[in-house]
Amino acid sequence: MNTDTLAGAATDFGGKAKEALGTATGDTSLKREGVADQLGGTVQKTVGQAKDVVEENIRPLVDYVRQFSKERPFTAAAVAGVLGIALINTLRGK
C-alpha cells in the first residue's frame, strides 16, 4: 500500500463525513463537496492500487532483464537489435 492509496482513503472518508454533515444540516453545497471529495478519493485510491500492481508485476521483470543483460551482454544486444528492427518494420507498415 502506498501513499496514494492511503491519501485516497482519507479523502474518501472525509468526503463521506462532509456529505453526512451536509445532509444533516441541509447544506447542499457541503453535501456536493463531500460527494466530489469521495470521487477524488476513489480516483486517488485507484491510482495507488495501479501503482502497486505495476510495482509488484513489472519490477521483477525489469530486474530479470537487467540481470540477463549483465550476464549475457552480446545476447541481450542481439535481442534488442531484432526487436528494434521488428519495431521499425511495424511502424513502416511491413
N, C-alpha and C. Protein backbone atom coordinates (compact mmCIF):
# COMPACT_ATOMS: atom_id res chain seq x y z
N MET A 1 0.86 -1.17 0.00
CA MET A 1 0.00 0.00 0.00
C MET A 1 0.90 1.23 0.00
N ASN A 2 0.62 2.16 -0.90
CA ASN A 2 1.47 3.35 -1.00
C ASN A 2 0.72 4.59 -0.50
N THR A 3 1.37 5.74 -0.58
CA THR A 3 0.78 6.97 -0.04
C THR A 3 -0.46 7.40 -0.81
N ASP A 4 -0.51 7.12 -2.12
CA ASP A 4 -1.71 7.49 -2.89
C ASP A 4 -2.93 6.72 -2.40
N THR A 5 -2.75 5.45 -2.13
CA THR A 5 -3.86 4.63 -1.64
C THR A 5 -4.34 5.15 -0.29
N LEU A 6 -3.40 5.45 0.59
CA LEU A 6 -3.77 5.95 1.93
C LEU A 6 -4.42 7.33 1.86
N ALA A 7 -3.84 8.22 1.07
CA ALA A 7 -4.41 9.56 0.95
C ALA A 7 -5.79 9.51 0.31
N GLY A 8 -5.96 8.64 -0.68
CA GLY A 8 -7.26 8.49 -1.32
C GLY A 8 -8.31 7.99 -0.34
N ALA A 9 -7.93 7.03 0.50
CA ALA A 9 -8.87 6.51 1.50
C ALA A 9 -9.25 7.61 2.50
N ALA A 10 -8.27 8.42 2.88
CA ALA A 10 -8.55 9.52 3.81
C ALA A 10 -9.47 10.56 3.18
N THR A 11 -9.23 10.89 1.92
CA THR A 11 -10.07 11.86 1.22
C THR A 11 -11.48 11.32 1.06
N ASP A 12 -11.60 10.04 0.73
CA ASP A 12 -12.90 9.40 0.60
C ASP A 12 -13.66 9.44 1.92
N PHE A 13 -12.98 9.13 3.01
CA PHE A 13 -13.61 9.16 4.33
C PHE A 13 -14.05 10.57 4.69
N GLY A 14 -13.18 11.56 4.43
CA GLY A 14 -13.55 12.95 4.70
C GLY A 14 -14.74 13.40 3.88
N GLY A 15 -14.80 12.93 2.62
CA GLY A 15 -15.94 13.26 1.77
C GLY A 15 -17.23 12.67 2.29
N LYS A 16 -17.16 11.45 2.81
CA LYS A 16 -18.36 10.82 3.39
C LYS A 16 -18.83 11.60 4.61
N ALA A 17 -17.87 12.07 5.41
CA ALA A 17 -18.22 12.86 6.59
C ALA A 17 -18.86 14.18 6.18
N LYS A 18 -18.31 14.84 5.17
CA LYS A 18 -18.89 16.11 4.69
C LYS A 18 -20.29 15.89 4.14
N GLU A 19 -20.44 14.82 3.37
CA GLU A 19 -21.76 14.53 2.80
C GLU A 19 -22.79 14.29 3.91
N ALA A 20 -22.40 13.52 4.93
CA ALA A 20 -23.31 13.25 6.04
C ALA A 20 -23.65 14.53 6.80
N LEU A 21 -22.65 15.37 7.04
CA LEU A 21 -22.88 16.63 7.74
C LEU A 21 -23.77 17.55 6.91
N GLY A 22 -23.51 17.59 5.60
CA GLY A 22 -24.34 18.41 4.71
C GLY A 22 -25.78 17.93 4.69
N THR A 23 -25.98 16.63 4.70
CA THR A 23 -27.32 16.06 4.72
C THR A 23 -28.02 16.38 6.04
N ALA A 24 -27.28 16.26 7.15
CA ALA A 24 -27.86 16.51 8.47
C ALA A 24 -28.25 17.97 8.67
N THR A 25 -27.43 18.87 8.11
CA THR A 25 -27.70 20.30 8.31
C THR A 25 -28.51 20.90 7.18
N GLY A 26 -28.73 20.15 6.12
CA GLY A 26 -29.48 20.67 4.98
C GLY A 26 -28.63 21.57 4.08
N ASP A 27 -27.32 21.51 4.22
CA ASP A 27 -26.40 22.32 3.42
C ASP A 27 -26.05 21.55 2.14
N THR A 28 -26.72 21.89 1.04
CA THR A 28 -26.49 21.16 -0.21
C THR A 28 -25.10 21.40 -0.77
N SER A 29 -24.54 22.56 -0.53
CA SER A 29 -23.19 22.85 -1.01
C SER A 29 -22.17 21.93 -0.33
N LEU A 30 -22.29 21.77 0.97
CA LEU A 30 -21.38 20.89 1.71
C LEU A 30 -21.57 19.43 1.28
N LYS A 31 -22.82 19.07 1.04
CA LYS A 31 -23.12 17.71 0.60
C LYS A 31 -22.47 17.42 -0.75
N ARG A 32 -22.60 18.36 -1.70
CA ARG A 32 -21.98 18.19 -3.02
C ARG A 32 -20.47 18.15 -2.92
N GLU A 33 -19.92 18.99 -2.06
CA GLU A 33 -18.47 19.00 -1.85
C GLU A 33 -18.00 17.64 -1.31
N GLY A 34 -18.79 17.05 -0.43
CA GLY A 34 -18.46 15.74 0.10
C GLY A 34 -18.49 14.67 -0.97
N VAL A 35 -19.48 14.72 -1.85
CA VAL A 35 -19.56 13.75 -2.94
C VAL A 35 -18.36 13.91 -3.88
N ALA A 36 -17.99 15.16 -4.16
CA ALA A 36 -16.83 15.41 -5.02
C ALA A 36 -15.55 14.90 -4.36
N ASP A 37 -15.42 15.09 -3.06
CA ASP A 37 -14.25 14.58 -2.34
C ASP A 37 -14.20 13.05 -2.40
N GLN A 38 -15.35 12.42 -2.28
CA GLN A 38 -15.40 10.96 -2.37
C GLN A 38 -14.93 10.48 -3.74
N LEU A 39 -15.36 11.17 -4.78
CA LEU A 39 -14.94 10.81 -6.14
C LEU A 39 -13.43 10.98 -6.29
N GLY A 40 -12.91 12.09 -5.81
CA GLY A 40 -11.46 12.33 -5.87
C GLY A 40 -10.69 11.29 -5.07
N GLY A 41 -11.21 10.92 -3.91
CA GLY A 41 -10.55 9.91 -3.10
C GLY A 41 -10.55 8.55 -3.77
N THR A 42 -11.66 8.22 -4.43
CA THR A 42 -11.75 6.94 -5.14
C THR A 42 -10.75 6.89 -6.28
N VAL A 43 -10.64 7.98 -7.02
CA VAL A 43 -9.68 8.05 -8.13
C VAL A 43 -8.26 7.90 -7.59
N GLN A 44 -7.96 8.60 -6.52
CA GLN A 44 -6.61 8.54 -5.95
C GLN A 44 -6.30 7.13 -5.42
N LYS A 45 -7.27 6.47 -4.80
CA LYS A 45 -7.07 5.10 -4.34
C LYS A 45 -6.80 4.17 -5.52
N THR A 46 -7.53 4.38 -6.61
CA THR A 46 -7.35 3.54 -7.80
C THR A 46 -5.97 3.74 -8.40
N VAL A 47 -5.50 4.97 -8.43
CA VAL A 47 -4.15 5.25 -8.93
C VAL A 47 -3.12 4.55 -8.04
N GLY A 48 -3.31 4.63 -6.75
CA GLY A 48 -2.40 3.96 -5.82
C GLY A 48 -2.39 2.45 -6.00
N GLN A 49 -3.56 1.88 -6.22
CA GLN A 49 -3.64 0.44 -6.45
C GLN A 49 -2.95 0.06 -7.76
N ALA A 50 -3.11 0.89 -8.79
CA ALA A 50 -2.45 0.62 -10.07
C ALA A 50 -0.94 0.68 -9.90
N LYS A 51 -0.45 1.64 -9.13
CA LYS A 51 0.99 1.72 -8.87
C LYS A 51 1.48 0.46 -8.17
N ASP A 52 0.69 -0.03 -7.22
CA ASP A 52 1.07 -1.26 -6.51
C ASP A 52 1.16 -2.44 -7.47
N VAL A 53 0.19 -2.55 -8.36
CA VAL A 53 0.19 -3.66 -9.32
C VAL A 53 1.41 -3.59 -10.23
N VAL A 54 1.72 -2.39 -10.72
CA VAL A 54 2.89 -2.23 -11.58
C VAL A 54 4.15 -2.58 -10.81
N GLU A 55 4.25 -2.10 -9.59
CA GLU A 55 5.44 -2.37 -8.77
C GLU A 55 5.61 -3.86 -8.52
N GLU A 56 4.51 -4.56 -8.25
CA GLU A 56 4.60 -5.98 -7.93
C GLU A 56 4.85 -6.85 -9.16
N ASN A 57 4.36 -6.43 -10.33
CA ASN A 57 4.43 -7.29 -11.51
C ASN A 57 5.50 -6.89 -12.51
N ILE A 58 5.72 -5.61 -12.69
CA ILE A 58 6.68 -5.14 -13.69
C ILE A 58 8.09 -5.10 -13.12
N ARG A 59 8.24 -4.71 -11.87
CA ARG A 59 9.57 -4.59 -11.27
C ARG A 59 10.38 -5.88 -11.36
N PRO A 60 9.81 -7.07 -11.06
CA PRO A 60 10.60 -8.29 -11.19
C PRO A 60 11.05 -8.55 -12.63
N LEU A 61 10.21 -8.21 -13.59
CA LEU A 61 10.57 -8.39 -15.00
C LEU A 61 11.74 -7.48 -15.37
N VAL A 62 11.69 -6.24 -14.95
CA VAL A 62 12.78 -5.31 -15.23
C VAL A 62 14.08 -5.79 -14.57
N ASP A 63 13.97 -6.27 -13.34
CA ASP A 63 15.16 -6.79 -12.65
C ASP A 63 15.73 -8.00 -13.38
N TYR A 64 14.87 -8.86 -13.90
CA TYR A 64 15.32 -10.03 -14.65
C TYR A 64 16.05 -9.61 -15.92
N VAL A 65 15.49 -8.63 -16.63
CA VAL A 65 16.13 -8.16 -17.87
C VAL A 65 17.49 -7.54 -17.57
N ARG A 66 17.59 -6.78 -16.50
CA ARG A 66 18.88 -6.20 -16.12
C ARG A 66 19.91 -7.28 -15.81
N GLN A 67 19.51 -8.28 -15.07
CA GLN A 67 20.41 -9.37 -14.70
C GLN A 67 20.83 -10.13 -15.96
N PHE A 68 19.88 -10.41 -16.85
CA PHE A 68 20.18 -11.10 -18.10
C PHE A 68 21.19 -10.30 -18.92
N SER A 69 21.00 -8.98 -18.98
CA SER A 69 21.90 -8.13 -19.76
C SER A 69 23.31 -8.12 -19.18
N LYS A 70 23.42 -8.20 -17.87
CA LYS A 70 24.74 -8.24 -17.24
C LYS A 70 25.44 -9.57 -17.50
N GLU A 71 24.65 -10.66 -17.44
CA GLU A 71 25.24 -11.99 -17.61
C GLU A 71 25.55 -12.31 -19.07
N ARG A 72 24.71 -11.84 -20.00
CA ARG A 72 24.86 -12.15 -21.42
C ARG A 72 24.72 -10.88 -22.26
N PRO A 73 25.71 -10.01 -22.23
CA PRO A 73 25.57 -8.72 -22.92
C PRO A 73 25.41 -8.85 -24.43
N PHE A 74 26.10 -9.79 -25.06
CA PHE A 74 26.00 -9.91 -26.52
C PHE A 74 24.64 -10.46 -26.93
N THR A 75 24.14 -11.42 -26.19
CA THR A 75 22.81 -11.96 -26.48
C THR A 75 21.75 -10.88 -26.28
N ALA A 76 21.89 -10.10 -25.22
CA ALA A 76 20.94 -9.02 -24.95
C ALA A 76 20.97 -7.98 -26.07
N ALA A 77 22.17 -7.66 -26.56
CA ALA A 77 22.29 -6.70 -27.66
C ALA A 77 21.64 -7.25 -28.93
N ALA A 78 21.83 -8.54 -29.20
CA ALA A 78 21.23 -9.15 -30.38
C ALA A 78 19.71 -9.14 -30.29
N VAL A 79 19.18 -9.48 -29.13
CA VAL A 79 17.72 -9.47 -28.93
C VAL A 79 17.19 -8.04 -29.10
N ALA A 80 17.88 -7.08 -28.54
CA ALA A 80 17.45 -5.68 -28.66
C ALA A 80 17.47 -5.24 -30.12
N GLY A 81 18.48 -5.67 -30.86
CA GLY A 81 18.54 -5.32 -32.28
C GLY A 81 17.39 -5.92 -33.07
N VAL A 82 17.09 -7.18 -32.82
CA VAL A 82 15.98 -7.83 -33.52
C VAL A 82 14.66 -7.15 -33.18
N LEU A 83 14.46 -6.83 -31.90
CA LEU A 83 13.23 -6.13 -31.51
C LEU A 83 13.15 -4.74 -32.13
N GLY A 84 14.30 -4.07 -32.24
CA GLY A 84 14.32 -2.76 -32.88
C GLY A 84 13.95 -2.83 -34.35
N ILE A 85 14.50 -3.81 -35.05
CA ILE A 85 14.16 -3.98 -36.46
C ILE A 85 12.68 -4.32 -36.62
N ALA A 86 12.17 -5.19 -35.76
CA ALA A 86 10.75 -5.55 -35.83
C ALA A 86 9.87 -4.33 -35.58
N LEU A 87 10.25 -3.48 -34.63
CA LEU A 87 9.50 -2.27 -34.34
C LEU A 87 9.53 -1.31 -35.53
N ILE A 88 10.69 -1.13 -36.12
CA ILE A 88 10.81 -0.25 -37.28
C ILE A 88 9.94 -0.76 -38.43
N ASN A 89 10.01 -2.07 -38.69
CA ASN A 89 9.18 -2.62 -39.77
C ASN A 89 7.69 -2.49 -39.48
N THR A 90 7.32 -2.64 -38.24
CA THR A 90 5.91 -2.49 -37.86
C THR A 90 5.46 -1.05 -38.08
N LEU A 91 6.28 -0.10 -37.68
CA LEU A 91 5.93 1.31 -37.86
C LEU A 91 5.90 1.72 -39.33
N ARG A 92 6.72 1.07 -40.13
CA ARG A 92 6.74 1.36 -41.57
C ARG A 92 5.60 0.66 -42.31
N GLY A 93 4.96 -0.28 -41.64
CA GLY A 93 3.82 -0.96 -42.25
C GLY A 93 4.19 -2.21 -43.02
N LYS A 94 5.30 -2.82 -42.72
CA LYS A 94 5.72 -4.04 -43.44
C LYS A 94 5.46 -5.25 -42.61
